[in-house]
Protein backbone atom coordinates (compact mmCIF):
# COMPACT_ATOMS: atom_id res chain seq x y z
CA UNK A 1 78.68 104.73 -93.78
CA UNK A 2 76.62 107.70 -94.97
CA UNK A 3 72.90 107.42 -94.19
CA UNK A 4 70.45 109.67 -96.01
CA UNK A 5 66.66 109.89 -95.82
CA UNK A 6 64.83 111.54 -98.70
CA UNK A 7 61.30 112.70 -97.98
CA UNK A 8 58.65 114.21 -100.19
CA UNK A 9 54.96 114.35 -100.98
CA UNK A 10 53.53 111.35 -102.80
CA UNK A 11 53.85 111.76 -106.57
CA UNK A 12 56.62 114.35 -106.39
CA UNK A 13 59.16 112.03 -108.05
CA UNK A 14 60.85 110.96 -104.83
CA UNK A 15 61.35 107.27 -105.64
CA UNK A 16 62.53 108.05 -109.15
CA UNK A 17 65.05 110.52 -107.78
CA UNK A 18 66.30 108.21 -105.04
CA UNK A 19 66.72 105.29 -107.45
CA UNK A 20 68.71 107.43 -109.88
CA UNK A 21 70.90 108.66 -107.03
CA UNK A 22 71.50 105.04 -106.02
CA UNK A 23 72.43 104.13 -109.58
CA UNK A 24 74.74 107.14 -109.92
CA UNK A 25 76.54 106.24 -106.68
CA UNK A 26 76.81 102.59 -107.73
CA UNK A 27 78.42 103.74 -110.99
CA UNK A 28 81.12 105.34 -108.85
CA UNK A 29 81.89 101.99 -107.24
CA UNK A 30 80.09 102.66 -103.97
CA UNK A 31 78.09 99.93 -102.25
CA UNK A 32 74.57 101.28 -101.94
CA UNK A 33 71.51 100.11 -100.02
CA UNK A 34 68.12 101.61 -100.86
CA UNK A 35 65.23 101.05 -98.44
CA UNK A 36 61.77 101.94 -99.67
CA UNK A 37 59.60 103.18 -96.79
CA UNK A 38 56.45 103.77 -98.78
CA UNK A 39 53.47 101.41 -98.39
CA UNK A 40 53.20 101.25 -102.22
CA UNK A 41 56.47 99.26 -102.19
CA UNK A 42 57.61 100.60 -105.57
CA UNK A 43 60.76 102.46 -104.57
CA UNK A 44 63.33 100.06 -106.02
CA UNK A 45 61.51 98.62 -109.05
CA UNK A 46 63.58 100.53 -111.61
CA UNK A 47 66.79 99.23 -110.03
CA UNK A 48 66.06 95.51 -110.33
CA UNK A 49 63.51 95.54 -113.14
CA UNK A 50 60.81 93.47 -111.46
CA UNK A 51 57.21 94.66 -111.41
CA UNK A 52 56.55 93.60 -107.83
CA UNK A 53 58.60 92.29 -104.96
CA UNK A 54 57.81 90.76 -101.59
CA UNK A 55 58.04 93.37 -98.87
CA UNK A 56 59.60 92.84 -95.47
CA UNK A 57 56.17 92.98 -93.83
CA UNK A 58 54.73 90.40 -96.23
CA UNK A 59 57.67 88.10 -95.56
CA UNK A 60 57.36 88.56 -91.80
CA UNK A 61 53.71 87.51 -92.01
CA UNK A 62 54.54 84.50 -94.20
CA UNK A 63 57.81 83.30 -92.69
CA UNK A 64 57.75 84.52 -89.11
CA UNK A 65 60.91 83.74 -87.18
CA UNK A 66 62.28 81.66 -90.06
CA UNK A 67 62.69 84.76 -92.22
CA UNK A 68 66.30 85.33 -93.30
CA UNK A 69 68.03 88.56 -94.23
CA UNK A 70 68.70 87.26 -97.74
CA UNK A 71 64.97 86.87 -98.34
CA UNK A 72 64.37 90.53 -97.52
CA UNK A 73 66.71 91.96 -100.16
CA UNK A 74 67.10 91.98 -103.92
CA UNK A 75 70.25 92.92 -105.76
CA UNK A 76 69.72 95.58 -108.38
CA UNK A 77 71.74 97.69 -110.80
CA UNK A 78 75.48 97.33 -110.19
CA UNK A 79 74.92 95.62 -106.85
CA UNK A 80 72.50 98.10 -105.25
CA UNK A 81 70.91 96.32 -102.29
CA UNK A 82 67.15 96.84 -102.59
CA UNK A 83 64.64 96.53 -99.74
CA UNK A 84 60.92 97.36 -99.62
CA UNK A 85 59.48 97.82 -96.14
CA UNK A 86 55.88 97.61 -97.32
CA UNK A 87 52.69 98.38 -95.45
CA UNK A 88 49.79 96.65 -93.75
CA UNK A 89 46.84 95.00 -95.48
CA UNK A 90 44.60 97.87 -96.69
CA UNK A 91 42.17 98.84 -93.97
CA UNK A 92 44.01 96.83 -91.35
CA UNK A 93 46.77 98.55 -89.43
CA UNK A 94 48.87 101.68 -89.61
CA UNK A 95 51.40 102.17 -92.40
CA UNK A 96 53.68 104.07 -90.04
CA UNK A 97 53.83 101.14 -87.66
CA UNK A 98 54.62 98.93 -90.64
CA UNK A 99 57.74 100.96 -91.36
CA UNK A 100 58.83 100.65 -87.73
CA UNK A 101 58.39 96.87 -87.85
CA UNK A 102 60.29 96.53 -91.12
CA UNK A 103 63.25 98.70 -90.09
CA UNK A 104 63.43 96.93 -86.73
CA UNK A 105 63.57 93.59 -88.55
CA UNK A 106 66.40 94.74 -90.81
CA UNK A 107 68.32 95.96 -87.77
CA UNK A 108 67.62 92.72 -85.90
CA UNK A 109 68.99 90.68 -88.81
CA UNK A 110 72.15 92.81 -88.96
CA UNK A 111 71.55 94.17 -92.45
CA UNK A 112 74.04 97.03 -92.14
CA UNK A 113 76.77 94.82 -90.65
CA UNK A 114 76.29 92.04 -93.23
CA UNK A 115 76.15 94.16 -96.38
CA UNK A 116 78.44 96.95 -95.16
CA UNK A 117 77.02 99.64 -97.46
CA UNK A 118 78.95 102.84 -98.08
CA UNK A 119 75.66 104.72 -98.51
CA UNK A 120 72.17 103.92 -97.22
CA UNK A 121 69.23 105.75 -98.80
CA UNK A 122 65.79 105.74 -97.18
CA UNK A 123 62.96 106.67 -99.54
CA UNK A 124 60.17 107.96 -97.30
CA UNK A 125 56.66 109.19 -98.00
CA UNK A 126 56.33 112.69 -96.58
CA UNK A 127 52.61 113.51 -96.77
CA UNK A 128 52.45 112.80 -93.04
CA UNK A 129 55.32 112.86 -90.57
CA UNK A 130 54.12 110.82 -87.63
CA UNK A 131 55.12 107.62 -85.88
CA UNK A 132 56.76 105.26 -88.32
CA UNK A 133 57.15 107.83 -91.06
CA UNK A 134 59.57 109.69 -88.79
CA UNK A 135 61.47 106.46 -88.02
CA UNK A 136 64.29 107.08 -90.57
CA UNK A 137 64.93 110.46 -88.90
CA UNK A 138 65.70 108.82 -85.58
CA UNK A 139 69.12 108.15 -84.11
CA UNK A 140 70.82 105.13 -85.64
CA UNK A 141 69.13 105.54 -89.00
CA UNK A 142 69.63 108.59 -91.24
CA UNK A 143 72.19 111.27 -90.49
CA UNK A 144 70.78 113.79 -92.96
CA UNK A 145 67.31 114.39 -94.38
CA UNK A 146 66.75 115.94 -97.78
CA UNK A 147 63.30 117.05 -98.92
CA UNK A 148 62.10 116.92 -102.52
CA UNK A 149 59.56 119.50 -103.64
CA UNK A 150 58.32 121.33 -106.70
CA UNK A 151 56.80 124.79 -106.73
CA UNK A 152 53.31 123.30 -106.34
CA UNK A 153 51.51 124.38 -103.18
CA UNK A 154 50.82 120.91 -101.77
CA UNK A 155 54.42 119.81 -102.32
CA UNK A 156 55.72 122.93 -100.56
CA UNK A 157 53.25 122.40 -97.71
CA UNK A 158 54.49 118.81 -97.23
CA UNK A 159 58.11 119.95 -97.34
CA UNK A 160 57.45 122.59 -94.69
CA UNK A 161 55.84 119.97 -92.43
CA UNK A 162 58.85 117.67 -92.77
CA UNK A 163 61.19 120.53 -91.85
CA UNK A 164 58.97 121.37 -88.87
CA UNK A 165 59.14 117.77 -87.66
CA UNK A 166 62.94 117.83 -87.83
CA UNK A 167 63.00 121.11 -85.96
CA UNK A 168 60.82 119.61 -83.23
CA UNK A 169 63.24 116.69 -82.90
CA UNK A 170 66.28 118.92 -82.30
CA UNK A 171 68.27 117.87 -79.27
CA UNK A 172 67.21 114.22 -79.46
CA UNK A 173 70.09 113.04 -81.62
CA UNK A 174 67.87 112.77 -84.69
CA UNK A 175 68.90 113.52 -88.28
CA UNK A 176 69.39 117.10 -89.38
CA UNK A 177 67.99 118.79 -92.47
CA UNK A 178 70.54 118.73 -95.27
CA UNK A 179 68.56 120.82 -97.73
CA UNK A 180 65.86 120.92 -100.38
CA UNK A 181 65.85 119.30 -103.81
CA UNK A 182 63.82 121.16 -106.43
CA UNK A 183 62.18 118.73 -108.85
CA UNK A 184 60.76 121.06 -111.43
CA UNK A 185 57.13 120.93 -112.54
CA UNK A 186 57.52 124.18 -114.47
CA UNK A 187 54.86 126.04 -112.51
CA UNK A 188 54.84 129.82 -112.36
CA UNK A 189 57.58 131.38 -110.19
CA UNK A 190 58.70 127.91 -109.17
CA UNK A 191 62.24 128.67 -108.10
CA UNK A 192 61.16 131.78 -106.18
CA UNK A 193 58.51 129.78 -104.30
CA UNK A 194 60.98 127.06 -103.32
CA UNK A 195 63.58 129.65 -102.32
CA UNK A 196 60.94 131.29 -100.10
CA UNK A 197 60.34 127.89 -98.49
CA UNK A 198 64.09 127.54 -97.86
CA UNK A 199 64.22 130.98 -96.30
CA UNK A 200 61.31 130.08 -94.01
CA UNK A 201 62.90 126.80 -92.84
CA UNK A 202 66.47 128.20 -92.74
CA UNK A 203 67.74 125.82 -95.40
CA UNK A 204 68.95 125.89 -99.01
CA UNK A 205 68.33 124.36 -102.42
CA UNK A 206 71.02 121.69 -102.75
CA UNK A 207 70.03 120.42 -106.18
CA UNK A 208 67.68 121.07 -109.08
CA UNK A 209 66.22 118.56 -111.52
CA UNK A 210 64.64 119.41 -114.86
CA UNK A 211 61.30 118.11 -116.04
CA UNK A 212 62.16 115.54 -118.70
CA UNK A 213 60.29 112.97 -120.77
CA UNK A 214 63.31 110.68 -120.39
CA UNK A 215 62.24 109.96 -116.81
CA UNK A 216 58.95 108.43 -118.00
CA UNK A 217 60.65 106.65 -120.90
CA UNK A 218 63.16 105.04 -118.56
CA UNK A 219 60.42 103.95 -116.15
CA UNK A 220 58.51 102.39 -119.04
CA UNK A 221 61.64 100.32 -119.67
CA UNK A 222 61.78 99.34 -115.99
CA UNK A 223 65.09 101.18 -115.57
CA UNK A 224 66.59 104.33 -114.12
CA UNK A 225 67.62 107.18 -116.40
CA UNK A 226 71.21 106.43 -115.37
CA UNK A 227 70.94 102.93 -116.82
CA UNK A 228 68.64 103.57 -119.79
CA UNK A 229 70.07 106.89 -121.01
CA UNK A 230 73.53 107.21 -119.42
CA UNK A 231 74.76 109.89 -121.83
CA UNK A 232 71.73 112.17 -121.47
CA UNK A 233 71.65 115.58 -119.82
CA UNK A 234 69.12 114.17 -117.33
CA UNK A 235 71.55 111.45 -116.26
CA UNK A 236 74.16 114.14 -115.73
CA UNK A 237 71.75 116.04 -113.49
CA UNK A 238 71.21 112.95 -111.33
CA UNK A 239 74.96 112.35 -111.10
CA UNK A 240 75.55 115.94 -110.02
CA UNK A 241 72.78 115.68 -107.44
CA UNK A 242 74.27 112.48 -106.03
CA UNK A 243 77.66 114.18 -105.70
CA UNK A 244 76.17 117.28 -104.11
CA UNK A 245 74.27 115.23 -101.51
CA UNK A 246 77.42 113.35 -100.54
CA UNK A 247 79.27 116.65 -100.20
CA UNK A 248 76.50 118.03 -97.96
CA UNK A 249 76.78 114.96 -95.74
CA UNK A 250 80.55 115.26 -95.47
CA UNK A 251 80.56 118.96 -94.55
């Protein structure tokens, strides 16, 4: 089982990228589980087509000890197992702690043993890297972390903070940094800025995604680009990225 956490600043296209990677891997016949660790709980929507799903935290509050594993998951495109961790009621509680509670519940219910995924993808908000937001980095969860960024200053700042957190966790058996994914916003000197980031954090660009209107068009349809426009150049980019990430994890 390959376990990957993908971090990035809010709004950088992280969930879109992760969902398209999941779809690309499912097309190859792999059994994929995608776990959304963002309080917005919108990571997997384009995989199963629903506008809103019950999160693990919502179900825990409603069902308590009677909650079953089957209630926590939805089956999406080509069998992708979709889970949304969720967050606390706004103004009440810490979102990071919510992620801890949700991932603990999945582990308690034996999610990985029951579904036996070939690949697990954690989609994690990376504006802050504290407490629960670092949970997928910890031993027993992800093996590799990949960071999505553009050439925009705030995205690069968030990416640098994520890399710093991983560096601080060295020696604890936590996940290692697999590399940086450049999701283009077509800002000035974008590739040079992201390469400078990689040099600073001793990493590399493992994949590049173009800015494309097809991404928005697919989301409007409630689908991934892989499903909505399978023959497009953008779909090919996502397939290549999925392959490159697997290769990085196997090296």
